[in-house]
Amino acid sequence: MEDINLDTRKINLINWISSIEDADIIDKMEKLKKEKTDWWDTLKSEDKQAIEEGIAQLDRGEFLSHSQVRENIKEKFNF
């Protein structure tokens, strides 16, 4: 979206919502509001640990650049 600020976007949504006449759309929007679940809470503990370890590795500078990964793949698969 362009440089429209958050408040303007909210107002645009409010105006659009207030004009909706279709009950099915309102029902879906209400369902969406109730489903406000954080994806992190849906992960298994092993997955959370793996993500946290990956972030820690990145913080320590332990990662490969995109070009390094491409080079490793070329070497491994003789491309």
PDB file of N, CA and C in Angstrom:
ATOM      1  N   MET A   1       0.843  -1.175   0.000  1.00  0.00           N
ATOM      2  CA  MET A   1       0.000   0.000   0.000  1.00  0.00           C
ATOM      3  C   MET A   1       0.889   1.240   0.000  1.00  0.00           C
ATOM      4  N   GLU A   2       0.407   2.292  -0.557  1.00  0.00           N
ATOM      5  CA  GLU A   2       1.203   3.508  -0.666  1.00  0.00           C
ATOM      6  C   GLU A   2       1.482   4.086   0.709  1.00  0.00           C
ATOM      7  N   ASP A   3       1.848   5.333   0.758  1.00  0.00           N
ATOM      8  CA  ASP A   3       2.213   5.979   2.016  1.00  0.00           C
ATOM      9  C   ASP A   3       1.000   6.470   2.808  1.00  0.00           C
ATOM     10  N   ILE A   4      -0.066   5.699   2.789  1.00  0.00           N
ATOM     11  CA  ILE A   4      -1.244   6.069   3.572  1.00  0.00           C
ATOM     12  C   ILE A   4      -0.966   5.651   5.012  1.00  0.00           C
ATOM     13  N   ASN A   5      -1.172   6.558   5.946  1.00  0.00           N
ATOM     14  CA  ASN A   5      -0.864   6.215   7.334  1.00  0.00           C
ATOM     15  C   ASN A   5      -1.907   5.265   7.920  1.00  0.00           C
ATOM     16  N   LEU A   6      -1.557   4.681   9.024  1.00  0.00           N
ATOM     17  CA  LEU A   6      -2.388   3.664   9.657  1.00  0.00           C
ATOM     18  C   LEU A   6      -3.782   4.183  10.010  1.00  0.00           C
ATOM     19  N   ASP A   7      -3.867   5.398  10.528  1.00  0.00           N
ATOM     20  CA  ASP A   7      -5.175   5.957  10.897  1.00  0.00           C
ATOM     21  C   ASP A   7      -6.083   6.100   9.678  1.00  0.00           C
ATOM     22  N   THR A   8      -5.523   6.531   8.564  1.00  0.00           N
ATOM     23  CA  THR A   8      -6.309   6.672   7.337  1.00  0.00           C
ATOM     24  C   THR A   8      -6.785   5.312   6.852  1.00  0.00           C
ATOM     25  N   ARG A   9      -5.918   4.317   6.928  1.00  0.00           N
ATOM     26  CA  ARG A   9      -6.308   2.957   6.526  1.00  0.00           C
ATOM     27  C   ARG A   9      -7.445   2.433   7.403  1.00  0.00           C
ATOM     28  N   LYS A  10      -7.350   2.696   8.720  1.00  0.00           N
ATOM     29  CA  LYS A  10      -8.416   2.266   9.637  1.00  0.00           C
ATOM     30  C   LYS A  10      -9.739   2.932   9.283  1.00  0.00           C
ATOM     31  N   ILE A  11      -9.695   4.215   9.033  1.00  0.00           N
ATOM     32  CA  ILE A  11     -10.920   4.953   8.676  1.00  0.00           C
ATOM     33  C   ILE A  11     -11.510   4.401   7.386  1.00  0.00           C
ATOM     34  N   ASN A  12     -10.647   4.115   6.407  1.00  0.00           N
ATOM     35  CA  ASN A  12     -11.134   3.527   5.158  1.00  0.00           C
ATOM     36  C   ASN A  12     -11.819   2.186   5.402  1.00  0.00           C
ATOM     37  N   LEU A  13     -11.234   1.372   6.268  1.00  0.00           N
ATOM     38  CA  LEU A  13     -11.848   0.084   6.598  1.00  0.00           C
ATOM     39  C   LEU A  13     -13.180   0.266   7.325  1.00  0.00           C
ATOM     40  N   ILE A  14     -13.214   1.181   8.265  1.00  0.00           N
ATOM     41  CA  ILE A  14     -14.453   1.447   9.005  1.00  0.00           C
ATOM     42  C   ILE A  14     -15.555   1.887   8.052  1.00  0.00           C
ATOM     43  N   ASN A  15     -15.213   2.774   7.140  1.00  0.00           N
ATOM     44  CA  ASN A  15     -16.207   3.234   6.151  1.00  0.00           C
ATOM     45  C   ASN A  15     -16.699   2.080   5.290  1.00  0.00           C
ATOM     46  N   TRP A  16     -15.776   1.233   4.867  1.00  0.00           N
ATOM     47  CA  TRP A  16     -16.159   0.089   4.039  1.00  0.00           C
ATOM     48  C   TRP A  16     -17.037  -0.879   4.827  1.00  0.00           C
ATOM     49  N   ILE A  17     -16.640  -1.184   6.063  1.00  0.00           N
ATOM     50  CA  ILE A  17     -17.409  -2.112   6.899  1.00  0.00           C
ATOM     51  C   ILE A  17     -18.811  -1.577   7.146  1.00  0.00           C
ATOM     52  N   SER A  18     -18.925  -0.281   7.384  1.00  0.00           N
ATOM     53  CA  SER A  18     -20.244   0.290   7.669  1.00  0.00           C
ATOM     54  C   SER A  18     -21.172   0.230   6.460  1.00  0.00           C
ATOM     55  N   SER A  19     -20.614   0.026   5.274  1.00  0.00           N
ATOM     56  CA  SER A  19     -21.459  -0.041   4.077  1.00  0.00           C
ATOM     57  C   SER A  19     -21.834  -1.467   3.687  1.00  0.00           C
ATOM     58  N   ILE A  20     -21.290  -2.464   4.379  1.00  0.00           N
ATOM     59  CA  ILE A  20     -21.562  -3.868   4.028  1.00  0.00           C
ATOM     60  C   ILE A  20     -22.988  -4.240   4.412  1.00  0.00           C
ATOM     61  N   GLU A  21     -23.674  -4.851   3.467  1.00  0.00           N
ATOM     62  CA  GLU A  21     -25.046  -5.304   3.697  1.00  0.00           C
ATOM     63  C   GLU A  21     -25.143  -6.822   3.765  1.00  0.00           C
ATOM     64  N   ASP A  22     -24.089  -7.522   3.400  1.00  0.00           N
ATOM     65  CA  ASP A  22     -24.081  -8.983   3.332  1.00  0.00           C
ATOM     66  C   ASP A  22     -23.742  -9.567   4.709  1.00  0.00           C
ATOM     67  N   ALA A  23     -24.704 -10.280   5.309  1.00  0.00           N
ATOM     68  CA  ALA A  23     -24.522 -10.851   6.649  1.00  0.00           C
ATOM     69  C   ALA A  23     -23.405 -11.892   6.664  1.00  0.00           C
ATOM     70  N   ASP A  24     -23.211 -12.606   5.556  1.00  0.00           N
ATOM     71  CA  ASP A  24     -22.149 -13.618   5.499  1.00  0.00           C
ATOM     72  C   ASP A  24     -20.770 -12.979   5.662  1.00  0.00           C
ATOM     73  N   ILE A  25     -20.579 -11.835   5.052  1.00  0.00           N
ATOM     74  CA  ILE A  25     -19.295 -11.147   5.177  1.00  0.00           C
ATOM     75  C   ILE A  25     -19.086 -10.689   6.614  1.00  0.00           C
ATOM     76  N   ILE A  26     -20.131 -10.161   7.230  1.00  0.00           N
ATOM     77  CA  ILE A  26     -20.035  -9.734   8.632  1.00  0.00           C
ATOM     78  C   ILE A  26     -19.716 -10.930   9.521  1.00  0.00           C
ATOM     79  N   ASP A  27     -20.384 -12.066   9.263  1.00  0.00           N
ATOM     80  CA  ASP A  27     -20.112 -13.284  10.031  1.00  0.00           C
ATOM     81  C   ASP A  27     -18.644 -13.692   9.918  1.00  0.00           C
ATOM     82  N   LYS A  28     -18.102 -13.648   8.703  1.00  0.00           N
ATOM     83  CA  LYS A  28     -16.700 -14.015   8.495  1.00  0.00           C
ATOM     84  C   LYS A  28     -15.767 -13.050   9.215  1.00  0.00           C
ATOM     85  N   MET A  29     -16.107 -11.791   9.209  1.00  0.00           N
ATOM     86  CA  MET A  29     -15.271 -10.800   9.891  1.00  0.00           C
ATOM     87  C   MET A  29     -15.309 -11.014  11.401  1.00  0.00           C
ATOM     88  N   GLU A  30     -16.478 -11.337  11.934  1.00  0.00           N
ATOM     89  CA  GLU A  30     -16.585 -11.614  13.368  1.00  0.00           C
ATOM     90  C   GLU A  30     -15.782 -12.859  13.733  1.00  0.00           C
ATOM     91  N   LYS A  31     -15.831 -13.862  12.867  1.00  0.00           N
ATOM     92  CA  LYS A  31     -15.065 -15.084  13.113  1.00  0.00           C
ATOM     93  C   LYS A  31     -13.571 -14.769  13.097  1.00  0.00           C
ATOM     94  N   LEU A  32     -13.137 -13.959  12.154  1.00  0.00           N
ATOM     95  CA  LEU A  32     -11.739 -13.558  12.069  1.00  0.00           C
ATOM     96  C   LEU A  32     -11.300 -12.840  13.346  1.00  0.00           C
ATOM     97  N   LYS A  33     -12.147 -11.986  13.853  1.00  0.00           N
ATOM     98  CA  LYS A  33     -11.835 -11.247  15.087  1.00  0.00           C
ATOM     99  C   LYS A  33     -11.663 -12.196  16.264  1.00  0.00           C
ATOM    100  N   LYS A  34     -12.498 -13.225  16.331  1.00  0.00           N
ATOM    101  CA  LYS A  34     -12.432 -14.186  17.438  1.00  0.00           C
ATOM    102  C   LYS A  34     -11.215 -15.093  17.322  1.00  0.00           C
ATOM    103  N   GLU A  35     -10.719 -15.307  16.102  1.00  0.00           N
ATOM    104  CA  GLU A  35      -9.588 -16.208  15.877  1.00  0.00           C
ATOM    105  C   GLU A  35      -8.251 -15.531  16.121  1.00  0.00           C
ATOM    106  N   LYS A  36      -8.222 -14.508  16.858  1.00  0.00           N
ATOM    107  CA  LYS A  36      -7.008 -13.733  17.085  1.00  0.00           C
ATOM    108  C   LYS A  36      -6.001 -14.563  17.879  1.00  0.00           C
ATOM    109  N   THR A  37      -5.434 -15.581  17.225  1.00  0.00           N
ATOM    110  CA  THR A  37      -4.476 -16.472  17.852  1.00  0.00           C
ATOM    111  C   THR A  37      -3.088 -16.151  17.342  1.00  0.00           C
ATOM    112  N   ASP A  38      -2.150 -16.060  18.237  1.00  0.00           N
ATOM    113  CA  ASP A  38      -0.768 -15.835  17.846  1.00  0.00           C
ATOM    114  C   ASP A  38      -0.191 -17.139  17.313  1.00  0.00           C
ATOM    115  N   TRP A  39       0.370 -17.101  16.102  1.00  0.00           N
ATOM    116  CA  TRP A  39       0.894 -18.320  15.494  1.00  0.00           C
ATOM    117  C   TRP A  39       1.953 -18.967  16.375  1.00  0.00           C
ATOM    118  N   TRP A  40       2.684 -18.193  17.138  1.00  0.00           N
ATOM    119  CA  TRP A  40       3.724 -18.741  18.009  1.00  0.00           C
ATOM    120  C   TRP A  40       3.116 -19.717  19.016  1.00  0.00           C
ATOM    121  N   ASP A  41       1.936 -19.397  19.514  1.00  0.00           N
ATOM    122  CA  ASP A  41       1.278 -20.248  20.501  1.00  0.00           C
ATOM    123  C   ASP A  41       0.828 -21.583  19.918  1.00  0.00           C
ATOM    124  N   THR A  42       0.762 -21.689  18.597  1.00  0.00           N
ATOM    125  CA  THR A  42       0.314 -22.933  17.957  1.00  0.00           C
ATOM    126  C   THR A  42       1.471 -23.877  17.654  1.00  0.00           C
ATOM    127  N   LEU A  43       2.708 -23.423  17.862  1.00  0.00           N
ATOM    128  CA  LEU A  43       3.870 -24.257  17.543  1.00  0.00           C
ATOM    129  C   LEU A  43       4.175 -25.250  18.647  1.00  0.00           C
ATOM    130  N   LYS A  44       4.764 -26.386  18.253  1.00  0.00           N
ATOM    131  CA  LYS A  44       5.245 -27.367  19.217  1.00  0.00           C
ATOM    132  C   LYS A  44       6.491 -26.795  19.894  1.00  0.00           C
ATOM    133  N   SER A  45       6.783 -27.263  21.100  1.00  0.00           N
ATOM    134  CA  SER A  45       7.934 -26.745  21.840  1.00  0.00           C
ATOM    135  C   SER A  45       9.240 -27.005  21.092  1.00  0.00           C
ATOM    136  N   GLU A  46       9.332 -28.142  20.378  1.00  0.00           N
ATOM    137  CA  GLU A  46      10.546 -28.440  19.614  1.00  0.00           C
ATOM    138  C   GLU A  46      10.744 -27.411  18.497  1.00  0.00           C
ATOM    139  N   ASP A  47       9.637 -27.014  17.865  1.00  0.00           N
ATOM    140  CA  ASP A  47       9.718 -26.022  16.793  1.00  0.00           C
ATOM    141  C   ASP A  47      10.133 -24.658  17.344  1.00  0.00           C
ATOM    142  N   LYS A  48       9.573 -24.307  18.502  1.00  0.00           N
ATOM    143  CA  LYS A  48       9.954 -23.037  19.132  1.00  0.00           C
ATOM    144  C   LYS A  48      11.442 -23.028  19.474  1.00  0.00           C
ATOM    145  N   GLN A  49      11.927 -24.153  20.016  1.00  0.00           N
ATOM    146  CA  GLN A  49      13.346 -24.251  20.373  1.00  0.00           C
ATOM    147  C   GLN A  49      14.218 -24.125  19.128  1.00  0.00           C
ATOM    148  N   ALA A  50      13.812 -24.759  18.030  1.00  0.00           N
ATOM    149  CA  ALA A  50      14.586 -24.691  16.792  1.00  0.00           C
ATOM    150  C   ALA A  50      14.635 -23.256  16.262  1.00  0.00           C
ATOM    151  N   ILE A  51      13.518 -22.564  16.320  1.00  0.00           N
ATOM    152  CA  ILE A  51      13.471 -21.168  15.864  1.00  0.00           C
ATOM    153  C   ILE A  51      14.353 -20.300  16.750  1.00  0.00           C
ATOM    154  N   GLU A  52      14.236 -20.490  18.064  1.00  0.00           N
ATOM    155  CA  GLU A  52      15.046 -19.693  18.985  1.00  0.00           C
ATOM    156  C   GLU A  52      16.537 -19.946  18.786  1.00  0.00           C
ATOM    157  N   GLU A  53      16.907 -21.200  18.535  1.00  0.00           N
ATOM    158  CA  GLU A  53      18.309 -21.519  18.276  1.00  0.00           C
ATOM    159  C   GLU A  53      18.769 -20.873  16.966  1.00  0.00           C
ATOM    160  N   GLY A  54      17.918 -20.891  15.961  1.00  0.00           N
ATOM    161  CA  GLY A  54      18.250 -20.240  14.694  1.00  0.00           C
ATOM    162  C   GLY A  54      18.468 -18.748  14.865  1.00  0.00           C
ATOM    163  N   ILE A  55      17.638 -18.117  15.646  1.00  0.00           N
ATOM    164  CA  ILE A  55      17.794 -16.677  15.914  1.00  0.00           C
ATOM    165  C   ILE A  55      19.092 -16.425  16.668  1.00  0.00           C
ATOM    166  N   ALA A  56      19.401 -17.284  17.645  1.00  0.00           N
ATOM    167  CA  ALA A  56      20.644 -17.137  18.401  1.00  0.00           C
ATOM    168  C   ALA A  56      21.853 -17.293  17.479  1.00  0.00           C
ATOM    169  N   GLN A  57      21.781 -18.247  16.542  1.00  0.00           N
ATOM    170  CA  GLN A  57      22.874 -18.424  15.587  1.00  0.00           C
ATOM    171  C   GLN A  57      23.047 -17.174  14.725  1.00  0.00           C
ATOM    172  N   LEU A  58      21.951 -16.620  14.275  1.00  0.00           N
ATOM    173  CA  LEU A  58      22.025 -15.386  13.481  1.00  0.00           C
ATOM    174  C   LEU A  58      22.645 -14.259  14.294  1.00  0.00           C
ATOM    175  N   ASP A  59      22.224 -14.144  15.547  1.00  0.00           N
ATOM    176  CA  ASP A  59      22.770 -13.101  16.426  1.00  0.00           C
ATOM    177  C   ASP A  59      24.282 -13.256  16.618  1.00  0.00           C
ATOM    178  N   ARG A  60      24.758 -14.505  16.593  1.00  0.00           N
ATOM    179  CA  ARG A  60      26.193 -14.766  16.764  1.00  0.00           C
ATOM    180  C   ARG A  60      26.947 -14.665  15.438  1.00  0.00           C
ATOM    181  N   GLY A  61      26.222 -14.394  14.364  1.00  0.00           N
ATOM    182  CA  GLY A  61      26.858 -14.288  13.053  1.00  0.00           C
ATOM    183  C   GLY A  61      27.115 -15.624  12.390  1.00  0.00           C
ATOM    184  N   GLU A  62      26.467 -16.661  12.881  1.00  0.00           N
ATOM    185  CA  GLU A  62      26.660 -18.005  12.346  1.00  0.00           C
ATOM    186  C   GLU A  62      25.619 -18.283  11.266  1.00  0.00           C
ATOM    187  N   PHE A  63      25.904 -17.823  10.066  1.00  0.00           N
ATOM    188  CA  PHE A  63      24.983 -18.043   8.953  1.00  0.00           C
ATOM    189  C   PHE A  63      25.750 -17.970   7.647  1.00  0.00           C
ATOM    190  N   LEU A  64      25.126 -18.451   6.584  1.00  0.00           N
ATOM    191  CA  LEU A  64      25.682 -18.380   5.246  1.00  0.00           C
ATOM    192  C   LEU A  64      24.895 -17.356   4.439  1.00  0.00           C
ATOM    193  N   SER A  65      25.602 -16.634   3.597  1.00  0.00           N
ATOM    194  CA  SER A  65      24.913 -15.692   2.711  1.00  0.00           C
ATOM    195  C   SER A  65      24.211 -16.472   1.600  1.00  0.00           C
ATOM    196  N   HIS A  66      23.340 -15.795   0.905  1.00  0.00           N
ATOM    197  CA  HIS A  66      22.626 -16.425  -0.199  1.00  0.00           C
ATOM    198  C   HIS A  66      23.616 -16.964  -1.237  1.00  0.00           C
ATOM    199  N   SER A  67      24.635 -16.193  -1.562  1.00  0.00           N
ATOM    200  CA  SER A  67      25.612 -16.640  -2.559  1.00  0.00           C
ATOM    201  C   SER A  67      26.411 -17.847  -2.045  1.00  0.00           C
ATOM    202  N   GLN A  68      26.703 -17.899  -0.746  1.00  0.00           N
ATOM    203  CA  GLN A  68      27.396 -19.056  -0.194  1.00  0.00           C
ATOM    204  C   GLN A  68      26.534 -20.312  -0.283  1.00  0.00           C
ATOM    205  N   VAL A  69      25.264 -20.184  -0.007  1.00  0.00           N
ATOM    206  CA  VAL A  69      24.354 -21.326  -0.098  1.00  0.00           C
ATOM    207  C   VAL A  69      24.281 -21.810  -1.538  1.00  0.00           C
ATOM    208  N   ARG A  70      24.141 -20.877  -2.476  1.00  0.00           N
ATOM    209  CA  ARG A  70      24.091 -21.247  -3.902  1.00  0.00           C
ATOM    210  C   ARG A  70      25.364 -21.978  -4.307  1.00  0.00           C
ATOM    211  N   GLU A  71      26.510 -21.497  -3.857  1.00  0.00           N
ATOM    212  CA  GLU A  71      27.780 -22.127  -4.191  1.00  0.00           C
ATOM    213  C   GLU A  71      27.859 -23.532  -3.601  1.00  0.00           C
ATOM    214  N   ASN A  72      27.419 -23.699  -2.356  1.00  0.00           N
ATOM    215  CA  ASN A  72      27.406 -25.026  -1.723  1.00  0.00           C
ATOM    216  C   ASN A  72      26.526 -26.000  -2.490  1.00  0.00           C
ATOM    217  N   ILE A  73      25.391 -25.531  -2.946  1.00  0.00           N
ATOM    218  CA  ILE A  73      24.477 -26.387  -3.711  1.00  0.00           C
ATOM    219  C   ILE A  73      25.118 -26.783  -5.032  1.00  0.00           C
ATOM    220  N   LYS A  74      25.750 -25.825  -5.700  1.00  0.00           N
ATOM    221  CA  LYS A  74      26.432 -26.122  -6.967  1.00  0.00           C
ATOM    222  C   LYS A  74      27.489 -27.199  -6.769  1.00  0.00           C
ATOM    223  N   GLU A  75      28.283 -27.058  -5.698  1.00  0.00           N
ATOM    224  CA  GLU A  75      29.329 -28.032  -5.418  1.00  0.00           C
ATOM    225  C   GLU A  75      28.750 -29.398  -5.083  1.00  0.00           C
ATOM    226  N   LYS A  76      27.713 -29.413  -4.265  1.00  0.00           N
ATOM    227  CA  LYS A  76      27.140 -30.682  -3.817  1.00  0.00           C
ATOM    228  C   LYS A  76      26.488 -31.462  -4.950  1.00  0.00           C
ATOM    229  N   PHE A  77      25.812 -30.745  -5.843  1.00  0.00           N
ATOM    230  CA  PHE A  77      25.055 -31.399  -6.897  1.00  0.00           C
ATOM    231  C   PHE A  77      25.718 -31.260  -8.274  1.00  0.00           C
ATOM    232  N   ASN A  78      26.970 -30.814  -8.298  1.00  0.00           N
ATOM    233  CA  ASN A  78      27.739 -30.693  -9.533  1.00  0.00           C
ATOM    234  C   ASN A  78      27.023 -29.892 -10.612  1.00  0.00           C
ATOM    235  N   PHE A  79      26.500 -28.735 -10.250  1.00  0.00           N
ATOM    236  CA  PHE A  79      25.822 -27.873 -11.229  1.00  0.00           C
ATOM    237  C   PHE A  79      26.838 -27.046 -11.965  1.00  0.00           C
TER     238      PHE A  79
END
